[in-house]
Amino acid sequence: ALRLAPLGIGVFEVRPGVIRTPMTEGVAGKYDERIA
């Protein structure tokens, strides 16, 4: 962000939480309970 700011290029970070995807299928049951 600092290096590219003079050029007007925006640099950002997005932090997802508990997202339902193929990567989280293995722990879906655990997080179903924790979300509940």
ModelCIF file with pLDDT and N, C-alpha, C, O atoms, coordinates in Angstrom:
data_MODEL
#
_entry.id   MODEL 
#
_entity.id                         1 
_entity.type                       polymer 
_entity.pdbx_number_of_molecules   1 
#
_entity_poly.entity_id                      1 
_entity_poly.type                           'polypeptide(L)' 
_entity_poly.nstd_linkage                   no 
_entity_poly.nstd_monomer                   no 
_entity_poly.pdbx_seq_one_letter_code       ALRLAPLGIGVFEVRPGVIRTPMTEGVAGKYDERIA 
_entity_poly.pdbx_seq_one_letter_code_can   ALRLAPLGIGVFEVRPGVIRTPMTEGVAGKYDERIA 
_entity_poly.pdbx_strand_id                 A 
#
loop_
_entity_poly_seq.entity_id 
_entity_poly_seq.num 
_entity_poly_seq.mon_id 
_entity_poly_seq.hetero 
1 1  ALA n 
1 2  LEU n 
1 3  ARG n 
1 4  LEU n 
1 5  ALA n 
1 6  PRO n 
1 7  LEU n 
1 8  GLY n 
1 9  ILE n 
1 10 GLY n 
1 11 VAL n 
1 12 PHE n 
1 13 GLU n 
1 14 VAL n 
1 15 ARG n 
1 16 PRO n 
1 17 GLY n 
1 18 VAL n 
1 19 ILE n 
1 20 ARG n 
1 21 THR n 
1 22 PRO n 
1 23 MET n 
1 24 THR n 
1 25 GLU n 
1 26 GLY n 
1 27 VAL n 
1 28 ALA n 
1 29 GLY n 
1 30 LYS n 
1 31 TYR n 
1 32 ASP n 
1 33 GLU n 
1 34 ARG n 
1 35 ILE n 
1 36 ALA n 
#
_struct_asym.id          A 
_struct_asym.entity_id   1 
#
loop_
_ma_qa_metric.id 
_ma_qa_metric.mode 
_ma_qa_metric.name 
_ma_qa_metric.software_group_id 
_ma_qa_metric.type 
1 global pLDDT . pLDDT 
2 local  pLDDT . pLDDT 
#
_ma_qa_metric_global.metric_id      1 
_ma_qa_metric_global.metric_value   93.33 
_ma_qa_metric_global.model_id       1 
_ma_qa_metric_global.ordinal_id     1 
#
loop_
_ma_qa_metric_local.label_asym_id 
_ma_qa_metric_local.label_comp_id 
_ma_qa_metric_local.label_seq_id 
_ma_qa_metric_local.metric_id 
_ma_qa_metric_local.metric_value 
_ma_qa_metric_local.model_id 
_ma_qa_metric_local.ordinal_id 
A ALA 1  2 98.00 1 1  
A LEU 2  2 98.00 1 2  
A ARG 3  2 98.00 1 3  
A LEU 4  2 98.00 1 4  
A ALA 5  2 98.00 1 5  
A PRO 6  2 97.00 1 6  
A LEU 7  2 97.00 1 7  
A GLY 8  2 97.00 1 8  
A ILE 9  2 98.00 1 9  
A GLY 10 2 98.00 1 10 
A VAL 11 2 98.00 1 11 
A PHE 12 2 98.00 1 12 
A GLU 13 2 98.00 1 13 
A VAL 14 2 98.00 1 14 
A ARG 15 2 98.00 1 15 
A PRO 16 2 98.00 1 16 
A GLY 17 2 97.00 1 17 
A VAL 18 2 95.00 1 18 
A ILE 19 2 96.00 1 19 
A ARG 20 2 94.00 1 20 
A THR 21 2 89.00 1 21 
A PRO 22 2 82.00 1 22 
A MET 23 2 78.00 1 23 
A THR 24 2 83.00 1 24 
A GLU 25 2 82.00 1 25 
A GLY 26 2 82.00 1 26 
A VAL 27 2 83.00 1 27 
A ALA 28 2 88.00 1 28 
A GLY 29 2 90.00 1 29 
A LYS 30 2 90.00 1 30 
A TYR 31 2 91.00 1 31 
A ASP 32 2 94.00 1 32 
A GLU 33 2 95.00 1 33 
A ARG 34 2 95.00 1 34 
A ILE 35 2 96.00 1 35 
A ALA 36 2 95.00 1 36 
#
loop_
_atom_site.group_PDB 
_atom_site.id 
_atom_site.type_symbol 
_atom_site.label_atom_id 
_atom_site.label_alt_id 
_atom_site.label_comp_id 
_atom_site.label_asym_id 
_atom_site.label_entity_id 
_atom_site.label_seq_id 
_atom_site.pdbx_PDB_ins_code 
_atom_site.Cartn_x 
_atom_site.Cartn_y 
_atom_site.Cartn_z 
_atom_site.occupancy 
_atom_site.B_iso_or_equiv 
_atom_site.pdbx_formal_charge 
_atom_site.auth_seq_id 
_atom_site.auth_comp_id 
_atom_site.auth_asym_id 
_atom_site.auth_atom_id 
_atom_site.pdbx_PDB_model_num 
ATOM 1   N N  . ALA A 1 1  ? 0.839   -1.205  0.000  1.00 98.00 ? 1  ALA A N  1 
ATOM 2   C CA . ALA A 1 1  ? 0.000   0.000   0.000  1.00 98.00 ? 1  ALA A CA 1 
ATOM 3   C C  . ALA A 1 1  ? 0.873   1.254   0.000  1.00 98.00 ? 1  ALA A C  1 
ATOM 4   O O  . ALA A 1 1  ? 0.605   2.202   -0.737 1.00 98.00 ? 1  ALA A O  1 
ATOM 5   N N  . LEU A 1 2  ? 1.914   1.253   0.827  1.00 98.00 ? 2  LEU A N  1 
ATOM 6   C CA . LEU A 1 2  ? 2.811   2.408   0.880  1.00 98.00 ? 2  LEU A CA 1 
ATOM 7   C C  . LEU A 1 2  ? 3.591   2.571   -0.417 1.00 98.00 ? 2  LEU A C  1 
ATOM 8   O O  . LEU A 1 2  ? 3.750   3.685   -0.916 1.00 98.00 ? 2  LEU A O  1 
ATOM 9   N N  . ARG A 1 3  ? 4.072   1.472   -0.956 1.00 98.00 ? 3  ARG A N  1 
ATOM 10  C CA . ARG A 1 3  ? 4.892   1.552   -2.177 1.00 98.00 ? 3  ARG A CA 1 
ATOM 11  C C  . ARG A 1 3  ? 4.090   2.022   -3.385 1.00 98.00 ? 3  ARG A C  1 
ATOM 12  O O  . ARG A 1 3  ? 4.615   2.747   -4.230 1.00 98.00 ? 3  ARG A O  1 
ATOM 13  N N  . LEU A 1 4  ? 2.822   1.619   -3.477 1.00 98.00 ? 4  LEU A N  1 
ATOM 14  C CA . LEU A 1 4  ? 2.027   1.901   -4.667 1.00 98.00 ? 4  LEU A CA 1 
ATOM 15  C C  . LEU A 1 4  ? 1.082   3.089   -4.507 1.00 98.00 ? 4  LEU A C  1 
ATOM 16  O O  . LEU A 1 4  ? 0.429   3.493   -5.469 1.00 98.00 ? 4  LEU A O  1 
ATOM 17  N N  . ALA A 1 5  ? 1.003   3.652   -3.299 1.00 98.00 ? 5  ALA A N  1 
ATOM 18  C CA . ALA A 1 5  ? 0.113   4.795   -3.062 1.00 98.00 ? 5  ALA A CA 1 
ATOM 19  C C  . ALA A 1 5  ? 0.372   5.970   -4.009 1.00 98.00 ? 5  ALA A C  1 
ATOM 20  O O  . ALA A 1 5  ? -0.589  6.569   -4.490 1.00 98.00 ? 5  ALA A O  1 
ATOM 21  N N  . PRO A 1 6  ? 1.631   6.325   -4.298 1.00 97.00 ? 6  PRO A N  1 
ATOM 22  C CA . PRO A 1 6  ? 1.860   7.456   -5.207 1.00 97.00 ? 6  PRO A CA 1 
ATOM 23  C C  . PRO A 1 6  ? 1.268   7.260   -6.599 1.00 97.00 ? 6  PRO A C  1 
ATOM 24  O O  . PRO A 1 6  ? 1.051   8.232   -7.323 1.00 97.00 ? 6  PRO A O  1 
ATOM 25  N N  . LEU A 1 7  ? 1.007   6.020   -6.972 1.00 97.00 ? 7  LEU A N  1 
ATOM 26  C CA . LEU A 1 7  ? 0.427   5.728   -8.282 1.00 97.00 ? 7  LEU A CA 1 
ATOM 27  C C  . LEU A 1 7  ? -1.089  5.595   -8.226 1.00 97.00 ? 7  LEU A C  1 
ATOM 28  O O  . LEU A 1 7  ? -1.728  5.342   -9.247 1.00 97.00 ? 7  LEU A O  1 
ATOM 29  N N  . GLY A 1 8  ? -1.669  5.763   -7.039 1.00 97.00 ? 8  GLY A N  1 
ATOM 30  C CA . GLY A 1 8  ? -3.111  5.652   -6.907 1.00 97.00 ? 8  GLY A CA 1 
ATOM 31  C C  . GLY A 1 8  ? -3.633  4.234   -6.935 1.00 97.00 ? 8  GLY A C  1 
ATOM 32  O O  . GLY A 1 8  ? -4.827  4.017   -7.145 1.00 97.00 ? 8  GLY A O  1 
ATOM 33  N N  . ILE A 1 9  ? -2.754  3.260   -6.726 1.00 98.00 ? 9  ILE A N  1 
ATOM 34  C CA . ILE A 1 9  ? -3.152  1.852   -6.728 1.00 98.00 ? 9  ILE A CA 1 
ATOM 35  C C  . ILE A 1 9  ? -3.540  1.462   -5.299 1.00 98.00 ? 9  ILE A C  1 
ATOM 36  O O  . ILE A 1 9  ? -2.712  1.512   -4.390 1.00 98.00 ? 9  ILE A O  1 
ATOM 37  N N  . GLY A 1 10 ? -4.783  1.079   -5.112 1.00 98.00 ? 10 GLY A N  1 
ATOM 38  C CA . GLY A 1 10 ? -5.249  0.692   -3.789 1.00 98.00 ? 10 GLY A CA 1 
ATOM 39  C C  . GLY A 1 10 ? -4.835  -0.729  -3.449 1.00 98.00 ? 10 GLY A C  1 
ATOM 40  O O  . GLY A 1 10 ? -4.936  -1.628  -4.284 1.00 98.00 ? 10 GLY A O  1 
ATOM 41  N N  . VAL A 1 11 ? -4.375  -0.928  -2.236 1.00 98.00 ? 11 VAL A N  1 
ATOM 42  C CA . VAL A 1 11 ? -3.950  -2.253  -1.773 1.00 98.00 ? 11 VAL A CA 1 
ATOM 43  C C  . VAL A 1 11 ? -4.697  -2.557  -0.479 1.00 98.00 ? 11 VAL A C  1 
ATOM 44  O O  . VAL A 1 11 ? -4.674  -1.759  0.458  1.00 98.00 ? 11 VAL A O  1 
ATOM 45  N N  . PHE A 1 12 ? -5.356  -3.708  -0.427 1.00 98.00 ? 12 PHE A N  1 
ATOM 46  C CA . PHE A 1 12 ? -6.260  -4.009  0.670  1.00 98.00 ? 12 PHE A CA 1 
ATOM 47  C C  . PHE A 1 12 ? -6.108  -5.457  1.140  1.00 98.00 ? 12 PHE A C  1 
ATOM 48  O O  . PHE A 1 12 ? -5.598  -6.322  0.427  1.00 98.00 ? 12 PHE A O  1 
ATOM 49  N N  . GLU A 1 13 ? -6.569  -5.679  2.361  1.00 98.00 ? 13 GLU A N  1 
ATOM 50  C CA . GLU A 1 13 ? -6.624  -7.034  2.911  1.00 98.00 ? 13 GLU A CA 1 
ATOM 51  C C  . GLU A 1 13 ? -8.063  -7.330  3.312  1.00 98.00 ? 13 GLU A C  1 
ATOM 52  O O  . GLU A 1 13 ? -8.713  -6.519  3.972  1.00 98.00 ? 13 GLU A O  1 
ATOM 53  N N  . VAL A 1 14 ? -8.552  -8.490  2.911  1.00 98.00 ? 14 VAL A N  1 
ATOM 54  C CA . VAL A 1 14 ? -9.871  -8.962  3.298  1.00 98.00 ? 14 VAL A CA 1 
ATOM 55  C C  . VAL A 1 14 ? -9.682  -10.204 4.168  1.00 98.00 ? 14 VAL A C  1 
ATOM 56  O O  . VAL A 1 14 ? -9.004  -11.154 3.776  1.00 98.00 ? 14 VAL A O  1 
ATOM 57  N N  . ARG A 1 15 ? -10.293 -10.180 5.357  1.00 98.00 ? 15 ARG A N  1 
ATOM 58  C CA . ARG A 1 15 ? -10.128 -11.286 6.306  1.00 98.00 ? 15 ARG A CA 1 
ATOM 59  C C  . ARG A 1 15 ? -11.447 -12.034 6.480  1.00 98.00 ? 15 ARG A C  1 
ATOM 60  O O  . ARG A 1 15 ? -12.299 -11.602 7.256  1.00 98.00 ? 15 ARG A O  1 
ATOM 61  N N  . PRO A 1 16 ? -11.627 -13.145 5.773  1.00 98.00 ? 16 PRO A N  1 
ATOM 62  C CA . PRO A 1 16 ? -12.829 -13.952 5.982  1.00 98.00 ? 16 PRO A CA 1 
ATOM 63  C C  . PRO A 1 16 ? -12.783 -14.659 7.332  1.00 98.00 ? 16 PRO A C  1 
ATOM 64  O O  . PRO A 1 16 ? -11.716 -14.937 7.879  1.00 98.00 ? 16 PRO A O  1 
ATOM 65  N N  . GLY A 1 17 ? -13.981 -14.942 7.850  1.00 97.00 ? 17 GLY A N  1 
ATOM 66  C CA . GLY A 1 17 ? -14.097 -15.733 9.064  1.00 97.00 ? 17 GLY A CA 1 
ATOM 67  C C  . GLY A 1 17 ? -14.358 -17.184 8.720  1.00 97.00 ? 17 GLY A C  1 
ATOM 68  O O  . GLY A 1 17 ? -13.617 -17.780 7.938  1.00 97.00 ? 17 GLY A O  1 
ATOM 69  N N  . VAL A 1 18 ? -15.399 -17.758 9.290  1.00 95.00 ? 18 VAL A N  1 
ATOM 70  C CA . VAL A 1 18 ? -15.745 -19.160 9.054  1.00 95.00 ? 18 VAL A CA 1 
ATOM 71  C C  . VAL A 1 18 ? -16.594 -19.220 7.782  1.00 95.00 ? 18 VAL A C  1 
ATOM 72  O O  . VAL A 1 18 ? -17.777 -18.878 7.795  1.00 95.00 ? 18 VAL A O  1 
ATOM 73  N N  . ILE A 1 19 ? -15.976 -19.657 6.694  1.00 96.00 ? 19 ILE A N  1 
ATOM 74  C CA . ILE A 1 19 ? -16.621 -19.642 5.383  1.00 96.00 ? 19 ILE A CA 1 
ATOM 75  C C  . ILE A 1 19 ? -16.878 -21.075 4.919  1.00 96.00 ? 19 ILE A C  1 
ATOM 76  O O  . ILE A 1 19 ? -15.992 -21.925 5.009  1.00 96.00 ? 19 ILE A O  1 
ATOM 77  N N  . ARG A 1 20 ? -18.064 -21.339 4.434  1.00 94.00 ? 20 ARG A N  1 
ATOM 78  C CA . ARG A 1 20 ? -18.433 -22.683 3.969  1.00 94.00 ? 20 ARG A CA 1 
ATOM 79  C C  . ARG A 1 20 ? -17.884 -22.891 2.556  1.00 94.00 ? 20 ARG A C  1 
ATOM 80  O O  . ARG A 1 20 ? -18.412 -22.338 1.591  1.00 94.00 ? 20 ARG A O  1 
ATOM 81  N N  . THR A 1 21 ? -16.836 -23.680 2.444  1.00 89.00 ? 21 THR A N  1 
ATOM 82  C CA . THR A 1 21 ? -16.185 -23.981 1.172  1.00 89.00 ? 21 THR A CA 1 
ATOM 83  C C  . THR A 1 21 ? -15.738 -25.440 1.189  1.00 89.00 ? 21 THR A C  1 
ATOM 84  O O  . THR A 1 21 ? -15.817 -26.092 2.229  1.00 89.00 ? 21 THR A O  1 
ATOM 85  N N  . PRO A 1 22 ? -15.269 -25.963 0.054  1.00 82.00 ? 22 PRO A N  1 
ATOM 86  C CA . PRO A 1 22 ? -14.723 -27.324 0.069  1.00 82.00 ? 22 PRO A CA 1 
ATOM 87  C C  . PRO A 1 22 ? -13.577 -27.488 1.067  1.00 82.00 ? 22 PRO A C  1 
ATOM 88  O O  . PRO A 1 22 ? -13.391 -28.578 1.608  1.00 82.00 ? 22 PRO A O  1 
ATOM 89  N N  . MET A 1 23 ? -12.807 -26.429 1.320  1.00 78.00 ? 23 MET A N  1 
ATOM 90  C CA . MET A 1 23 ? -11.675 -26.529 2.244  1.00 78.00 ? 23 MET A CA 1 
ATOM 91  C C  . MET A 1 23 ? -12.131 -26.742 3.683  1.00 78.00 ? 23 MET A C  1 
ATOM 92  O O  . MET A 1 23 ? -11.402 -27.326 4.485  1.00 78.00 ? 23 MET A O  1 
ATOM 93  N N  . THR A 1 24 ? -13.339 -26.269 4.016  1.00 83.00 ? 24 THR A N  1 
ATOM 94  C CA . THR A 1 24 ? -13.822 -26.391 5.396  1.00 83.00 ? 24 THR A CA 1 
ATOM 95  C C  . THR A 1 24 ? -14.788 -27.564 5.590  1.00 83.00 ? 24 THR A C  1 
ATOM 96  O O  . THR A 1 24 ? -15.338 -27.741 6.677  1.00 83.00 ? 24 THR A O  1 
ATOM 97  N N  . GLU A 1 25 ? -14.991 -28.354 4.552  1.00 82.00 ? 25 GLU A N  1 
ATOM 98  C CA . GLU A 1 25 ? -15.933 -29.464 4.680  1.00 82.00 ? 25 GLU A CA 1 
ATOM 99  C C  . GLU A 1 25 ? -15.516 -30.432 5.781  1.00 82.00 ? 25 GLU A C  1 
ATOM 100 O O  . GLU A 1 25 ? -16.367 -30.974 6.487  1.00 82.00 ? 25 GLU A O  1 
ATOM 101 N N  . GLY A 1 26 ? -14.223 -30.651 5.931  1.00 82.00 ? 26 GLY A N  1 
ATOM 102 C CA . GLY A 1 26 ? -13.753 -31.610 6.919  1.00 82.00 ? 26 GLY A CA 1 
ATOM 103 C C  . GLY A 1 26 ? -14.039 -31.217 8.358  1.00 82.00 ? 26 GLY A C  1 
ATOM 104 O O  . GLY A 1 26 ? -14.064 -32.079 9.237  1.00 82.00 ? 26 GLY A O  1 
ATOM 105 N N  . VAL A 1 27 ? -14.255 -29.937 8.616  1.00 83.00 ? 27 VAL A N  1 
ATOM 106 C CA . VAL A 1 27 ? -14.530 -29.461 9.982  1.00 83.00 ? 27 VAL A CA 1 
ATOM 107 C C  . VAL A 1 27 ? -15.919 -28.829 10.071 1.00 83.00 ? 27 VAL A C  1 
ATOM 108 O O  . VAL A 1 27 ? -16.209 -28.093 11.015 1.00 83.00 ? 27 VAL A O  1 
ATOM 109 N N  . ALA A 1 28 ? -16.776 -29.116 9.088  1.00 88.00 ? 28 ALA A N  1 
ATOM 110 C CA . ALA A 1 28 ? -18.093 -28.476 9.044  1.00 88.00 ? 28 ALA A CA 1 
ATOM 111 C C  . ALA A 1 28 ? -18.926 -28.817 10.271 1.00 88.00 ? 28 ALA A C  1 
ATOM 112 O O  . ALA A 1 28 ? -19.590 -27.946 10.831 1.00 88.00 ? 28 ALA A O  1 
ATOM 113 N N  . GLY A 1 29 ? -18.896 -30.076 10.692 1.00 90.00 ? 29 GLY A N  1 
ATOM 114 C CA . GLY A 1 29 ? -19.679 -30.472 11.856 1.00 90.00 ? 29 GLY A CA 1 
ATOM 115 C C  . GLY A 1 29 ? -19.259 -29.725 13.111 1.00 90.00 ? 29 GLY A C  1 
ATOM 116 O O  . GLY A 1 29 ? -20.098 -29.280 13.894 1.00 90.00 ? 29 GLY A O  1 
ATOM 117 N N  . LYS A 1 30 ? -17.946 -29.592 13.293 1.00 90.00 ? 30 LYS A N  1 
ATOM 118 C CA . LYS A 1 30 ? -17.419 -28.876 14.446 1.00 90.00 ? 30 LYS A CA 1 
ATOM 119 C C  . LYS A 1 30 ? -17.894 -27.423 14.453 1.00 90.00 ? 30 LYS A C  1 
ATOM 120 O O  . LYS A 1 30 ? -18.316 -26.908 15.488 1.00 90.00 ? 30 LYS A O  1 
ATOM 121 N N  . TYR A 1 31 ? -17.824 -26.771 13.302 1.00 91.00 ? 31 TYR A N  1 
ATOM 122 C CA . TYR A 1 31 ? -18.201 -25.363 13.253 1.00 91.00 ? 31 TYR A CA 1 
ATOM 123 C C  . TYR A 1 31 ? -19.711 -25.159 13.248 1.00 91.00 ? 31 TYR A C  1 
ATOM 124 O O  . TYR A 1 31 ? -20.190 -24.111 13.682 1.00 91.00 ? 31 TYR A O  1 
ATOM 125 N N  . ASP A 1 32 ? -20.471 -26.145 12.763 1.00 94.00 ? 32 ASP A N  1 
ATOM 126 C CA . ASP A 1 32 ? -21.928 -26.066 12.924 1.00 94.00 ? 32 ASP A CA 1 
ATOM 127 C C  . ASP A 1 32 ? -22.277 -25.930 14.405 1.00 94.00 ? 32 ASP A C  1 
ATOM 128 O O  . ASP A 1 32 ? -23.112 -25.110 14.787 1.00 94.00 ? 32 ASP A O  1 
ATOM 129 N N  . GLU A 1 33 ? -21.626 -26.745 15.229 1.00 95.00 ? 33 GLU A N  1 
ATOM 130 C CA . GLU A 1 33 ? -21.888 -26.715 16.665 1.00 95.00 ? 33 GLU A CA 1 
ATOM 131 C C  . GLU A 1 33 ? -21.414 -25.407 17.295 1.00 95.00 ? 33 GLU A C  1 
ATOM 132 O O  . GLU A 1 33 ? -22.116 -24.828 18.125 1.00 95.00 ? 33 GLU A O  1 
ATOM 133 N N  . ARG A 1 34 ? -20.239 -24.945 16.909 1.00 95.00 ? 34 ARG A N  1 
ATOM 134 C CA . ARG A 1 34 ? -19.692 -23.729 17.506 1.00 95.00 ? 34 ARG A CA 1 
ATOM 135 C C  . ARG A 1 34 ? -20.485 -22.489 17.097 1.00 95.00 ? 34 ARG A C  1 
ATOM 136 O O  . ARG A 1 34 ? -20.657 -21.565 17.892 1.00 95.00 ? 34 ARG A O  1 
ATOM 137 N N  . ILE A 1 35 ? -20.964 -22.476 15.857 1.00 96.00 ? 35 ILE A N  1 
ATOM 138 C CA . ILE A 1 35 ? -21.804 -21.358 15.420 1.00 96.00 ? 35 ILE A CA 1 
ATOM 139 C C  . ILE A 1 35 ? -23.129 -21.373 16.184 1.00 96.00 ? 35 ILE A C  1 
ATOM 140 O O  . ILE A 1 35 ? -23.629 -20.326 16.595 1.00 96.00 ? 35 ILE A O  1 
ATOM 141 N N  . ALA A 1 36 ? -23.685 -22.554 16.368 1.00 95.00 ? 36 ALA A N  1 
ATOM 142 C CA . ALA A 1 36 ? -24.921 -22.665 17.149 1.00 95.00 ? 36 ALA A CA 1 
ATOM 143 C C  . ALA A 1 36 ? -24.716 -22.214 18.587 1.00 95.00 ? 36 ALA A C  1 
ATOM 144 O O  . ALA A 1 36 ? -25.654 -22.242 19.383 1.00 95.00 ? 36 ALA A O  1 
#
